[in-house]
PDB file of N, CA and C in Angstrom:
ATOM      1  N   UNK A   1      -7.709 -14.753   4.989  1.00  0.00           N
ATOM      2  CA  UNK A   1      -9.063 -14.078   4.371  1.00  0.00           C
ATOM      3  C   UNK A   1      -7.870 -13.446   3.100  1.00  0.00           C
ATOM      4  N   UNK A   2      -7.702 -13.822   1.790  1.00  0.00           N
ATOM      5  CA  UNK A   2      -7.093 -13.071   0.964  1.00  0.00           C
ATOM      6  C   UNK A   2      -8.081 -12.364   0.433  1.00  0.00           C
ATOM      7  N   UNK A   3      -7.717 -10.940  -0.408  1.00  0.00           N
ATOM      8  CA  UNK A   3      -7.817 -10.124  -1.202  1.00  0.00           C
ATOM      9  C   UNK A   3      -8.649 -10.501  -2.576  1.00  0.00           C
ATOM     10  N   UNK A   4     -10.214  -9.985  -2.328  1.00  0.00           N
ATOM     11  CA  UNK A   4     -10.951 -10.281  -3.859  1.00  0.00           C
ATOM     12  C   UNK A   4     -11.790  -9.326  -4.147  1.00  0.00           C
ATOM     13  N   UNK A   5     -11.535  -8.256  -5.093  1.00  0.00           N
ATOM     14  CA  UNK A   5     -12.528  -7.841  -5.127  1.00  0.00           C
ATOM     15  C   UNK A   5     -14.092  -7.752  -4.755  1.00  0.00           C
ATOM     16  N   UNK A   6     -15.044  -6.549  -4.750  1.00  0.00           N
ATOM     17  CA  UNK A   6     -16.801  -6.683  -4.524  1.00  0.00           C
ATOM     18  C   UNK A   6     -16.492  -7.132  -3.516  1.00  0.00           C
ATOM     19  N   UNK A   7     -16.039  -6.801  -2.173  1.00  0.00           N
ATOM     20  CA  UNK A   7     -16.008  -7.691  -0.976  1.00  0.00           C
ATOM     21  C   UNK A   7     -17.402  -7.104  -0.125  1.00  0.00           C
ATOM     22  N   UNK A   8     -18.033  -7.385  -0.019  1.00  0.00           N
ATOM     23  CA  UNK A   8     -19.143  -7.236   1.260  1.00  0.00           C
ATOM     24  C   UNK A   8     -18.839  -6.553   2.334  1.00  0.00           C
ATOM     25  N   UNK A   9     -19.725  -5.638   2.642  1.00  0.00           N
ATOM     26  CA  UNK A   9     -19.426  -4.965   3.811  1.00  0.00           C
ATOM     27  C   UNK A   9     -19.021  -5.400   4.980  1.00  0.00           C
ATOM     28  N   UNK A  10     -19.414  -6.643   5.412  1.00  0.00           N
ATOM     29  CA  UNK A  10     -19.161  -7.619   6.893  1.00  0.00           C
ATOM     30  C   UNK A  10     -17.546  -8.118   6.484  1.00  0.00           C
ATOM     31  N   UNK A  11     -17.550  -8.251   5.136  1.00  0.00           N
ATOM     32  CA  UNK A  11     -16.092  -8.797   4.760  1.00  0.00           C
ATOM     33  C   UNK A  11     -15.060  -7.592   5.447  1.00  0.00           C
ATOM     34  N   UNK A  12     -15.246  -6.506   5.035  1.00  0.00           N
ATOM     35  CA  UNK A  12     -14.255  -5.290   4.883  1.00  0.00           C
ATOM     36  C   UNK A  12     -14.417  -5.348   6.580  1.00  0.00           C
ATOM     37  N   UNK A  13     -15.600  -5.408   7.000  1.00  0.00           N
ATOM     38  CA  UNK A  13     -15.610  -4.634   8.681  1.00  0.00           C
ATOM     39  C   UNK A  13     -14.761  -5.569   9.341  1.00  0.00           C
ATOM     40  N   UNK A  14     -14.897  -7.018   8.957  1.00  0.00           N
ATOM     41  CA  UNK A  14     -14.083  -8.522   9.366  1.00  0.00           C
ATOM     42  C   UNK A  14     -12.581  -7.903   9.495  1.00  0.00           C
ATOM     43  N   UNK A  15     -12.189  -7.436   8.188  1.00  0.00           N
ATOM     44  CA  UNK A  15     -10.412  -7.136   7.852  1.00  0.00           C
ATOM     45  C   UNK A  15     -10.750  -5.859   8.246  1.00  0.00           C
ATOM     46  N   UNK A  16     -10.896  -5.030   9.158  1.00  0.00           N
ATOM     47  CA  UNK A  16     -11.009  -3.923   8.878  1.00  0.00           C
ATOM     48  C   UNK A  16     -10.426  -4.100  10.782  1.00  0.00           C
ATOM     49  N   UNK A  17     -11.245  -4.985  11.285  1.00  0.00           N
ATOM     50  CA  UNK A  17     -10.654  -5.275  13.141  1.00  0.00           C
ATOM     51  C   UNK A  17      -9.297  -5.877  12.834  1.00  0.00           C
ATOM     52  N   UNK A  18      -9.251  -7.176  11.857  1.00  0.00           N
ATOM     53  CA  UNK A  18      -7.804  -7.559  12.118  1.00  0.00           C
ATOM     54  C   UNK A  18      -6.439  -6.050  11.710  1.00  0.00           C
ATOM     55  N   UNK A  19      -6.839  -4.943  11.485  1.00  0.00           N
ATOM     56  CA  UNK A  19      -6.549  -3.761  10.951  1.00  0.00           C
ATOM     57  C   UNK A  19      -5.771  -3.312  11.207  1.00  0.00           C
ATOM     58  N   UNK A  20      -7.261  -3.097  12.538  1.00  0.00           N
ATOM     59  CA  UNK A  20      -7.169  -1.624  14.102  1.00  0.00           C
ATOM     60  C   UNK A  20      -5.898  -2.366  14.830  1.00  0.00           C
ATOM     61  N   UNK A  21      -6.189  -3.729  14.873  1.00  0.00           N
ATOM     62  CA  UNK A  21      -5.438  -4.612  16.197  1.00  0.00           C
ATOM     63  C   UNK A  21      -4.290  -4.565  15.383  1.00  0.00           C
ATOM     64  N   UNK A  22      -3.322  -4.090  14.286  1.00  0.00           N
ATOM     65  CA  UNK A  22      -1.552  -3.540  14.055  1.00  0.00           C
ATOM     66  C   UNK A  22      -1.484  -5.197  12.871  1.00  0.00           C
ATOM     67  N   UNK A  23      -2.605  -5.636  12.225  1.00  0.00           N
ATOM     68  CA  UNK A  23      -1.490  -6.578  11.188  1.00  0.00           C
ATOM     69  C   UNK A  23      -1.544  -6.218  10.157  1.00  0.00           C
ATOM     70  N   UNK A  24      -0.281  -6.152   9.932  1.00  0.00           N
ATOM     71  CA  UNK A  24       0.688  -5.207   8.703  1.00  0.00           C
ATOM     72  C   UNK A  24      -0.290  -5.617   7.324  1.00  0.00           C
ATOM     73  N   UNK A  25      -0.013  -6.933   7.348  1.00  0.00           N
ATOM     74  CA  UNK A  25      -1.480  -7.491   5.979  1.00  0.00           C
ATOM     75  C   UNK A  25      -2.725  -7.144   5.945  1.00  0.00           C
ATOM     76  N   UNK A  26      -3.470  -7.202   6.884  1.00  0.00           N
ATOM     77  CA  UNK A  26      -4.836  -6.572   6.588  1.00  0.00           C
ATOM     78  C   UNK A  26      -4.688  -5.292   6.916  1.00  0.00           C
ATOM     79  N   UNK A  27      -3.419  -4.363   7.274  1.00  0.00           N
ATOM     80  CA  UNK A  27      -3.734  -3.222   6.724  1.00  0.00           C
ATOM     81  C   UNK A  27      -3.460  -2.837   5.985  1.00  0.00           C
ATOM     82  N   UNK A  28      -2.645  -3.074   4.392  1.00  0.00           N
ATOM     83  CA  UNK A  28      -2.204  -3.115   3.475  1.00  0.00           C
ATOM     84  C   UNK A  28      -3.469  -3.052   3.021  1.00  0.00           C
ATOM     85  N   UNK A  29      -4.676  -4.900   3.123  1.00  0.00           N
ATOM     86  CA  UNK A  29      -5.259  -4.952   2.282  1.00  0.00           C
ATOM     87  C   UNK A  29      -6.970  -3.946   2.529  1.00  0.00           C
ATOM     88  N   UNK A  30      -7.165  -3.630   3.647  1.00  0.00           N
ATOM     89  CA  UNK A  30      -7.718  -2.088   3.720  1.00  0.00           C
ATOM     90  C   UNK A  30      -7.442  -0.893   3.207  1.00  0.00           C
ATOM     91  N   UNK A  31      -6.198  -0.826   3.307  1.00  0.00           N
ATOM     92  CA  UNK A  31      -5.572   0.488   1.483  1.00  0.00           C
ATOM     93  C   UNK A  31      -6.299   0.104   0.880  1.00  0.00           C
ATOM     94  N   UNK A  32      -6.118  -0.869   0.254  1.00  0.00           N
ATOM     95  CA  UNK A  32      -6.734  -1.747  -0.738  1.00  0.00           C
ATOM     96  C   UNK A  32      -8.328  -1.382  -0.918  1.00  0.00           C
ATOM     97  N   UNK A  33      -8.663  -1.440  -0.221  1.00  0.00           N
ATOM     98  CA  UNK A  33     -10.313  -2.051  -0.072  1.00  0.00           C
ATOM     99  C   UNK A  33     -10.467  -0.459  -0.294  1.00  0.00           C
ATOM    100  N   UNK A  34      -9.819   1.020  -0.152  1.00  0.00           N
ATOM    101  CA  UNK A  34     -10.338   2.584   0.124  1.00  0.00           C
ATOM    102  C   UNK A  34      -9.810   2.899  -1.202  1.00  0.00           C
ATOM    103  N   UNK A  35      -8.711   2.261  -1.962  1.00  0.00           N
ATOM    104  CA  UNK A  35      -7.609   2.699  -2.496  1.00  0.00           C
ATOM    105  C   UNK A  35      -8.576   2.497  -4.049  1.00  0.00           C
ATOM    106  N   UNK A  36      -9.434   1.150  -4.288  1.00  0.00           N
ATOM    107  CA  UNK A  36     -10.550   0.826  -4.973  1.00  0.00           C
ATOM    108  C   UNK A  36     -11.977   0.458  -4.795  1.00  0.00           C
ATOM    109  N   UNK A  37     -11.900   0.927  -3.556  1.00  0.00           N
ATOM    110  CA  UNK A  37     -13.880   1.093  -3.557  1.00  0.00           C
ATOM    111  C   UNK A  37     -14.328  -0.259  -3.155  1.00  0.00           C
ATOM    112  N   UNK A  38     -13.483  -1.333  -2.852  1.00  0.00           N
ATOM    113  CA  UNK A  38     -14.179  -2.302  -2.929  1.00  0.00           C
ATOM    114  C   UNK A  38     -14.414  -2.767  -0.900  1.00  0.00           C
ATOM    115  N   UNK A  39     -15.623  -2.558  -1.269  1.00  0.00           N
ATOM    116  CA  UNK A  39     -16.544  -3.274   0.037  1.00  0.00           C
ATOM    117  C   UNK A  39     -17.170  -1.302   0.679  1.00  0.00           C
ATOM    118  N   UNK A  40     -15.957  -1.005   0.352  1.00  0.00           N
ATOM    119  CA  UNK A  40     -16.151   0.611   1.257  1.00  0.00           C
ATOM    120  C   UNK A  40     -16.167   1.558   0.084  1.00  0.00           C
ATOM    121  N   UNK A  41     -16.904   2.868  -0.157  1.00  0.00           N
ATOM    122  CA  UNK A  41     -16.346   4.187  -0.680  1.00  0.00           C
ATOM    123  C   UNK A  41     -14.913   4.334  -0.922  1.00  0.00           C
ATOM    124  N   UNK A  42     -14.808   4.815  -2.173  1.00  0.00           N
ATOM    125  CA  UNK A  42     -13.462   4.864  -2.194  1.00  0.00           C
ATOM    126  C   UNK A  42     -12.799   6.000  -2.271  1.00  0.00           C
ATOM    127  N   UNK A  43     -12.194   6.658  -1.217  1.00  0.00           N
ATOM    128  CA  UNK A  43     -11.321   7.117  -0.722  1.00  0.00           C
ATOM    129  C   UNK A  43      -9.305   7.121  -0.055  1.00  0.00           C
ATOM    130  N   UNK A  44      -9.239   7.972  -1.185  1.00  0.00           N
ATOM    131  CA  UNK A  44      -7.349   7.867  -1.008  1.00  0.00           C
ATOM    132  C   UNK A  44      -6.994   8.122   0.177  1.00  0.00           C
ATOM    133  N   UNK A  45      -6.875   8.845   0.997  1.00  0.00           N
ATOM    134  CA  UNK A  45      -6.878   9.612   1.679  1.00  0.00           C
ATOM    135  C   UNK A  45      -6.525   8.355   3.115  1.00  0.00           C
ATOM    136  N   UNK A  46      -7.802   7.767   2.634  1.00  0.00           N
ATOM    137  CA  UNK A  46      -7.844   6.592   3.971  1.00  0.00           C
ATOM    138  C   UNK A  46      -6.879   5.485   3.696  1.00  0.00           C
ATOM    139  N   UNK A  47      -7.203   5.178   1.892  1.00  0.00           N
ATOM    140  CA  UNK A  47      -6.384   4.439   1.228  1.00  0.00           C
ATOM    141  C   UNK A  47      -4.973   4.309   1.844  1.00  0.00           C
ATOM    142  N   UNK A  48      -3.991   5.765   1.923  1.00  0.00           N
ATOM    143  CA  UNK A  48      -2.798   6.353   1.840  1.00  0.00           C
ATOM    144  C   UNK A  48      -2.253   6.087   3.604  1.00  0.00           C
ATOM    145  N   UNK A  49      -3.573   6.093   4.029  1.00  0.00           N
ATOM    146  CA  UNK A  49      -3.156   6.710   5.282  1.00  0.00           C
ATOM    147  C   UNK A  49      -2.933   4.377   6.070  1.00  0.00           C
ATOM    148  N   UNK A  50      -3.990   3.794   5.446  1.00  0.00           N
ATOM    149  CA  UNK A  50      -3.442   2.386   5.998  1.00  0.00           C
ATOM    150  C   UNK A  50      -2.343   1.700   5.155  1.00  0.00           C
ATOM    151  N   UNK A  51      -2.413   2.281   3.994  1.00  0.00           N
ATOM    152  CA  UNK A  51      -1.110   2.101   3.217  1.00  0.00           C
ATOM    153  C   UNK A  51       0.126   2.072   4.299  1.00  0.00           C
ATOM    154  N   UNK A  52       0.111   3.550   4.929  1.00  0.00           N
ATOM    155  CA  UNK A  52       1.262   3.457   5.408  1.00  0.00           C
ATOM    156  C   UNK A  52       1.852   2.794   7.326  1.00  0.00           C
ATOM    157  N   UNK A  53       0.657   2.605   7.752  1.00  0.00           N
ATOM    158  CA  UNK A  53       0.663   1.940   8.464  1.00  0.00           C
ATOM    159  C   UNK A  53       1.059   0.774   8.506  1.00  0.00           C
ATOM    160  N   UNK A  54       1.072  -0.070   7.530  1.00  0.00           N
ATOM    161  CA  UNK A  54       1.771  -1.522   7.647  1.00  0.00           C
ATOM    162  C   UNK A  54       2.824  -1.200   6.693  1.00  0.00           C
ATOM    163  N   UNK A  55       2.972  -0.176   5.794  1.00  0.00           N
ATOM    164  CA  UNK A  55       4.796   0.098   5.333  1.00  0.00           C
ATOM    165  C   UNK A  55       5.380   0.475   6.320  1.00  0.00           C
ATOM    166  N   UNK A  56       5.090   1.053   7.971  1.00  0.00           N
ATOM    167  CA  UNK A  56       6.001   0.866   9.019  1.00  0.00           C
ATOM    168  C   UNK A  56       5.911   0.046   9.304  1.00  0.00           C
ATOM    169  N   UNK A  57       5.699  -1.234   8.929  1.00  0.00           N
ATOM    170  CA  UNK A  57       5.911  -2.742   9.566  1.00  0.00           C
ATOM    171  C   UNK A  57       6.821  -3.224   8.659  1.00  0.00           C
ATOM    172  N   UNK A  58       6.858  -2.408   7.543  1.00  0.00           N
ATOM    173  CA  UNK A  58       7.704  -3.008   6.542  1.00  0.00           C
ATOM    174  C   UNK A  58       7.259  -3.905   5.777  1.00  0.00           C
ATOM    175  N   UNK A  59       6.049  -3.855   5.128  1.00  0.00           N
ATOM    176  CA  UNK A  59       5.073  -4.731   4.709  1.00  0.00           C
ATOM    177  C   UNK A  59       5.274  -4.140   2.566  1.00  0.00           C
ATOM    178  N   UNK A  60       6.102  -5.512   2.445  1.00  0.00           N
ATOM    179  CA  UNK A  60       6.542  -5.092   0.953  1.00  0.00           C
ATOM    180  C   UNK A  60       5.318  -4.637   0.118  1.00  0.00           C
ATOM    181  N   UNK A  61       3.849  -5.205   0.323  1.00  0.00           N
ATOM    182  CA  UNK A  61       3.344  -4.540  -0.983  1.00  0.00           C
ATOM    183  C   UNK A  61       2.963  -3.362  -0.455  1.00  0.00           C
ATOM    184  N   UNK A  62       2.842  -3.087   0.625  1.00  0.00           N
ATOM    185  CA  UNK A  62       2.731  -1.862   1.406  1.00  0.00           C
ATOM    186  C   UNK A  62       3.871  -0.518   0.768  1.00  0.00           C
ATOM    187  N   UNK A  63       4.721  -1.148   1.279  1.00  0.00           N
ATOM    188  CA  UNK A  63       6.022  -0.015   0.551  1.00  0.00           C
ATOM    189  C   UNK A  63       5.854   0.437  -0.874  1.00  0.00           C
ATOM    190  N   UNK A  64       5.394  -0.912  -1.543  1.00  0.00           N
ATOM    191  CA  UNK A  64       5.360  -0.766  -3.387  1.00  0.00           C
ATOM    192  C   UNK A  64       4.267  -0.358  -3.697  1.00  0.00           C
ATOM    193  N   UNK A  65       3.069  -0.220  -3.168  1.00  0.00           N
ATOM    194  CA  UNK A  65       2.054   0.836  -3.283  1.00  0.00           C
ATOM    195  C   UNK A  65       2.169   1.949  -3.078  1.00  0.00           C
ATOM    196  N   UNK A  66       2.842   1.952  -1.790  1.00  0.00           N
ATOM    197  CA  UNK A  66       2.639   3.346  -0.867  1.00  0.00           C
ATOM    198  C   UNK A  66       4.153   4.122  -2.152  1.00  0.00           C
ATOM    199  N   UNK A  67       4.711   3.844  -2.531  1.00  0.00           N
ATOM    200  CA  UNK A  67       5.847   4.564  -3.696  1.00  0.00           C
ATOM    201  C   UNK A  67       5.258   4.905  -5.025  1.00  0.00           C
ATOM    202  N   UNK A  68       4.763   3.302  -5.229  1.00  0.00           N
ATOM    203  CA  UNK A  68       3.576   3.764  -7.082  1.00  0.00           C
ATOM    204  C   UNK A  68       2.825   4.802  -6.156  1.00  0.00           C
ATOM    205  N   UNK A  69       2.152   5.351  -5.251  1.00  0.00           N
ATOM    206  CA  UNK A  69       1.819   6.807  -4.816  1.00  0.00           C
ATOM    207  C   UNK A  69       2.086   8.176  -5.098  1.00  0.00           C
ATOM    208  N   UNK A  70       3.594   7.942  -4.613  1.00  0.00           N
ATOM    209  CA  UNK A  70       4.171   8.794  -4.655  1.00  0.00           C
ATOM    210  C   UNK A  70       4.282   9.414  -6.284  1.00  0.00           C
ATOM    211  N   UNK A  71       4.684   8.592  -6.697  1.00  0.00           N
ATOM    212  CA  UNK A  71       5.652   7.948  -7.682  1.00  0.00           C
ATOM    213  C   UNK A  71       4.539   9.179  -9.249  1.00  0.00           C
ATOM    214  N   UNK A  72       2.954   8.408  -8.573  1.00  0.00           N
ATOM    215  CA  UNK A  72       1.930   8.934  -9.511  1.00  0.00           C
ATOM    216  C   UNK A  72       0.940  10.133  -8.995  1.00  0.00           C
ATOM    217  N   UNK A  73       1.549  10.878  -7.494  1.00  0.00           N
ATOM    218  CA  UNK A  73       0.997  11.608  -7.084  1.00  0.00           C
ATOM    219  C   UNK A  73      -0.886  11.719  -7.141  1.00  0.00           C
ATOM    220  N   UNK A  74      -0.861  10.073  -6.665  1.00  0.00           N
ATOM    221  CA  UNK A  74      -2.058  10.028  -6.110  1.00  0.00           C
ATOM    222  C   UNK A  74      -2.316   9.795  -4.428  1.00  0.00           C
ATOM    223  N   UNK A  75      -2.665  10.772  -3.865  1.00  0.00           N
ATOM    224  CA  UNK A  75      -3.479  11.526  -3.106  1.00  0.00           C
ATOM    225  C   UNK A  75      -2.057  12.592  -2.362  1.00  0.00           C
ATOM    226  N   UNK A  76      -0.906  12.363  -2.463  1.00  0.00           N
ATOM    227  CA  UNK A  76      -0.080  13.036  -2.393  1.00  0.00           C
ATOM    228  C   UNK A  76       0.285  13.621  -3.053  1.00  0.00           C
ATOM    229  N   UNK A  77       1.520  14.829  -3.341  1.00  0.00           N
ATOM    230  CA  UNK A  77       2.508  15.273  -4.049  1.00  0.00           C
ATOM    231  C   UNK A  77       3.546  14.492  -4.578  1.00  0.00           C
ATOM    232  N   UNK A  78       3.762  14.225  -5.773  1.00  0.00           N
ATOM    233  CA  UNK A  78       4.472  14.063  -6.217  1.00  0.00           C
ATOM    234  C   UNK A  78       5.810  14.542  -5.293  1.00  0.00           C
ATOM    235  N   UNK A  79       7.032  13.257  -5.267  1.00  0.00           N
ATOM    236  CA  UNK A  79       8.266  13.320  -4.148  1.00  0.00           C
ATOM    237  C   UNK A  79       9.206  12.336  -4.665  1.00  0.00           C
ATOM    238  N   UNK A  80      10.206  12.816  -5.649  1.00  0.00           N
ATOM    239  CA  UNK A  80      11.135  11.961  -5.803  1.00  0.00           C
ATOM    240  C   UNK A  80      12.212  11.544  -5.282  1.00  0.00           C
ATOM    241  N   UNK A  81      12.516  12.249  -4.090  1.00  0.00           N
ATOM    242  CA  UNK A  81      13.137  11.341  -2.803  1.00  0.00           C
ATOM    243  C   UNK A  81      12.475  10.001  -2.316  1.00  0.00           C
ATOM    244  N   UNK A  82      11.266  10.717  -1.827  1.00  0.00           N
ATOM    245  CA  UNK A  82      10.427   9.973  -1.081  1.00  0.00           C
ATOM    246  C   UNK A  82      10.553   8.705  -1.688  1.00  0.00           C
ATOM    247  N   UNK A  83       9.885   8.594  -3.093  1.00  0.00           N
ATOM    248  CA  UNK A  83       9.634   7.153  -4.098  1.00  0.00           C
ATOM    249  C   UNK A  83      11.229   6.368  -3.948  1.00  0.00           C
ATOM    250  N   UNK A  84      12.067   7.144  -4.455  1.00  0.00           N
ATOM    251  CA  UNK A  84      13.486   6.429  -4.446  1.00  0.00           C
ATOM    252  C   UNK A  84      13.692   6.018  -2.746  1.00  0.00           C
ATOM    253  N   UNK A  85      12.795   6.577  -1.786  1.00  0.00           N
ATOM    254  CA  UNK A  85      13.821   6.182  -0.853  1.00  0.00           C
ATOM    255  C   UNK A  85      12.771   4.745  -0.378  1.00  0.00           C
ATOM    256  N   UNK A  86      11.203   4.792  -0.458  1.00  0.00           N
ATOM    257  CA  UNK A  86      10.252   3.760  -0.508  1.00  0.00           C
ATOM    258  C   UNK A  86      10.549   2.812  -1.408  1.00  0.00           C
ATOM    259  N   UNK A  87      11.216   2.734  -2.255  1.00  0.00           N
ATOM    260  CA  UNK A  87      11.483   1.825  -2.992  1.00  0.00           C
ATOM    261  C   UNK A  87      13.036   1.104  -3.015  1.00  0.00           C
ATOM    262  N   UNK A  88      14.313   1.866  -3.084  1.00  0.00           N
ATOM    263  CA  UNK A  88      15.019   1.559  -2.540  1.00  0.00           C
ATOM    264  C   UNK A  88      14.821   0.713  -1.034  1.00  0.00           C
ATOM    265  N   UNK A  89      14.102   0.700  -0.312  1.00  0.00           N
ATOM    266  CA  UNK A  89      14.294   0.275   0.869  1.00  0.00           C
ATOM    267  C   UNK A  89      13.401  -1.086   0.796  1.00  0.00           C
ATOM    268  N   UNK A  90      11.770  -1.074   0.063  1.00  0.00           N
ATOM    269  CA  UNK A  90      11.695  -2.413  -0.357  1.00  0.00           C
ATOM    270  C   UNK A  90      12.411  -3.325  -1.284  1.00  0.00           C
ATOM    271  N   UNK A  91      13.390  -2.835  -2.094  1.00  0.00           N
ATOM    272  CA  UNK A  91      14.194  -3.603  -2.316  1.00  0.00           C
ATOM    273  C   UNK A  91      15.307  -4.114  -1.321  1.00  0.00           C
ATOM    274  N   UNK A  92      15.689  -3.770  -0.826  1.00  0.00           N
ATOM    275  CA  UNK A  92      17.214  -3.859  -0.299  1.00  0.00           C
ATOM    276  C   UNK A  92      16.356  -4.467   1.045  1.00  0.00           C
ATOM    277  N   UNK A  93      15.581  -4.983   1.543  1.00  0.00           N
ATOM    278  CA  UNK A  93      15.126  -5.102   2.506  1.00  0.00           C
ATOM    279  C   UNK A  93      13.767  -6.882   2.643  1.00  0.00           C
ATOM    280  N   UNK A  94      13.475  -6.581   1.319  1.00  0.00           N
ATOM    281  CA  UNK A  94      11.827  -7.790   0.751  1.00  0.00           C
ATOM    282  C   UNK A  94      12.673  -8.487  -0.686  1.00  0.00           C
ATOM    283  N   UNK A  95      11.708  -9.422  -1.049  1.00  0.00           N
ATOM    284  CA  UNK A  95      11.998 -10.953  -2.571  1.00  0.00           C
ATOM    285  C   UNK A  95      11.895  -8.943  -3.086  1.00  0.00           C
ATOM    286  N   UNK A  96      12.575  -8.792  -4.366  1.00  0.00           N
ATOM    287  CA  UNK A  96      12.912  -7.992  -4.966  1.00  0.00           C
ATOM    288  C   UNK A  96      11.864  -8.479  -6.027  1.00  0.00           C
ATOM    289  N   UNK A  97      10.745  -9.466  -6.331  1.00  0.00           N
ATOM    290  CA  UNK A  97       9.661  -9.454  -7.514  1.00  0.00           C
ATOM    291  C   UNK A  97       8.661  -8.936  -6.682  1.00  0.00           C
ATOM    292  N   UNK A  98       8.315  -7.665  -6.710  1.00  0.00           N
ATOM    293  CA  UNK A  98       7.583  -7.580  -6.120  1.00  0.00           C
ATOM    294  C   UNK A  98       6.892  -5.953  -7.001  1.00  0.00           C
ATOM    295  N   UNK A  99       8.792  -5.789  -7.745  1.00  0.00           N
ATOM    296  CA  UNK A  99       8.198  -5.392  -9.097  1.00  0.00           C
ATOM    297  C   UNK A  99       8.626  -3.804  -8.834  1.00  0.00           C
ATOM    298  N   UNK A 100       9.206  -3.151  -7.732  1.00  0.00           N
ATOM    299  CA  UNK A 100       9.229  -2.320  -6.902  1.00  0.00           C
ATOM    300  C   UNK A 100      11.593  -1.905  -7.394  1.00  0.00           C
ATOM    301  N   UNK A 101      12.125  -3.201  -7.380  1.00  0.00           N
ATOM    302  CA  UNK A 101      13.281  -2.526  -8.100  1.00  0.00           C
ATOM    303  C   UNK A 101      13.294  -2.412  -9.639  1.00  0.00           C
ATOM    304  N   UNK A 102      12.422  -2.884 -10.654  1.00  0.00           N
ATOM    305  CA  UNK A 102      12.470  -2.347 -12.111  1.00  0.00           C
ATOM    306  C   UNK A 102      12.055  -0.841 -11.557  1.00  0.00           C
ATOM    307  N   UNK A 103      11.053  -0.035 -10.952  1.00  0.00           N
ATOM    308  CA  UNK A 103      10.812   1.139 -10.425  1.00  0.00           C
ATOM    309  C   UNK A 103      11.838   1.610 -10.309  1.00  0.00           C
ATOM    310  N   UNK A 104      12.464   0.644  -9.157  1.00  0.00           N
ATOM    311  CA  UNK A 104      13.414   1.845  -8.506  1.00  0.00           C
ATOM    312  C   UNK A 104      14.622   2.117  -9.574  1.00  0.00           C
ATOM    313  N   UNK A 105      15.321   1.756 -10.927  1.00  0.00           N
ATOM    314  CA  UNK A 105      16.155   1.553 -11.667  1.00  0.00           C
ATOM    315  C   UNK A 105      15.174   2.272 -12.818  1.00  0.00           C
ATOM    316  N   UNK A 106      14.027   2.714 -13.380  1.00  0.00           N
ATOM    317  CA  UNK A 106      13.568   3.234 -13.883  1.00  0.00           C
ATOM    318  C   UNK A 106      13.686   4.773 -13.247  1.00  0.00           C
ATOM    319  N   UNK A 107      13.510   5.159 -11.949  1.00  0.00           N
ATOM    320  CA  UNK A 107      13.646   6.704 -11.545  1.00  0.00           C
ATOM    321  C   UNK A 107      15.337   6.919 -11.332  1.00  0.00           C
ATOM    322  N   UNK A 108      15.991   5.681 -11.148  1.00  0.00           N
ATOM    323  CA  UNK A 108      17.538   6.404 -10.778  1.00  0.00           C
ATOM    324  C   UNK A 108      18.017   6.973 -12.187  1.00  0.00           C
ATOM    325  N   UNK A 109      16.877   6.817 -13.428  1.00  0.00           N
ATOM    326  CA  UNK A 109      17.910   6.396 -14.377  1.00  0.00           C
ATOM    327  C   UNK A 109      17.126   8.382 -14.994  1.00  0.00           C
TER     328      UNK A 109
END
């Protein structure tokens, strides 16, 4: 199941079950659902929780989104050191096409 806006609640529940079992992609997508309020009430704290779980498994999109949350202060205090660490980890260990490389270069200047 791929991500799409306006998920019915039952699709979110199926995705949540996969996330609870530890699937990194599902954890990221559940975080995105909470972040956008898609199929569930918008909740930035829950979004960050799921992004972190996925990022701990080094899921690239989760690492990048977590870095953006720190960058823009979405649900967390701005933390440049954390931003640089997350973006660098994403760039060094995964495909650079996630947009994090440009974010890292911008933050270093």
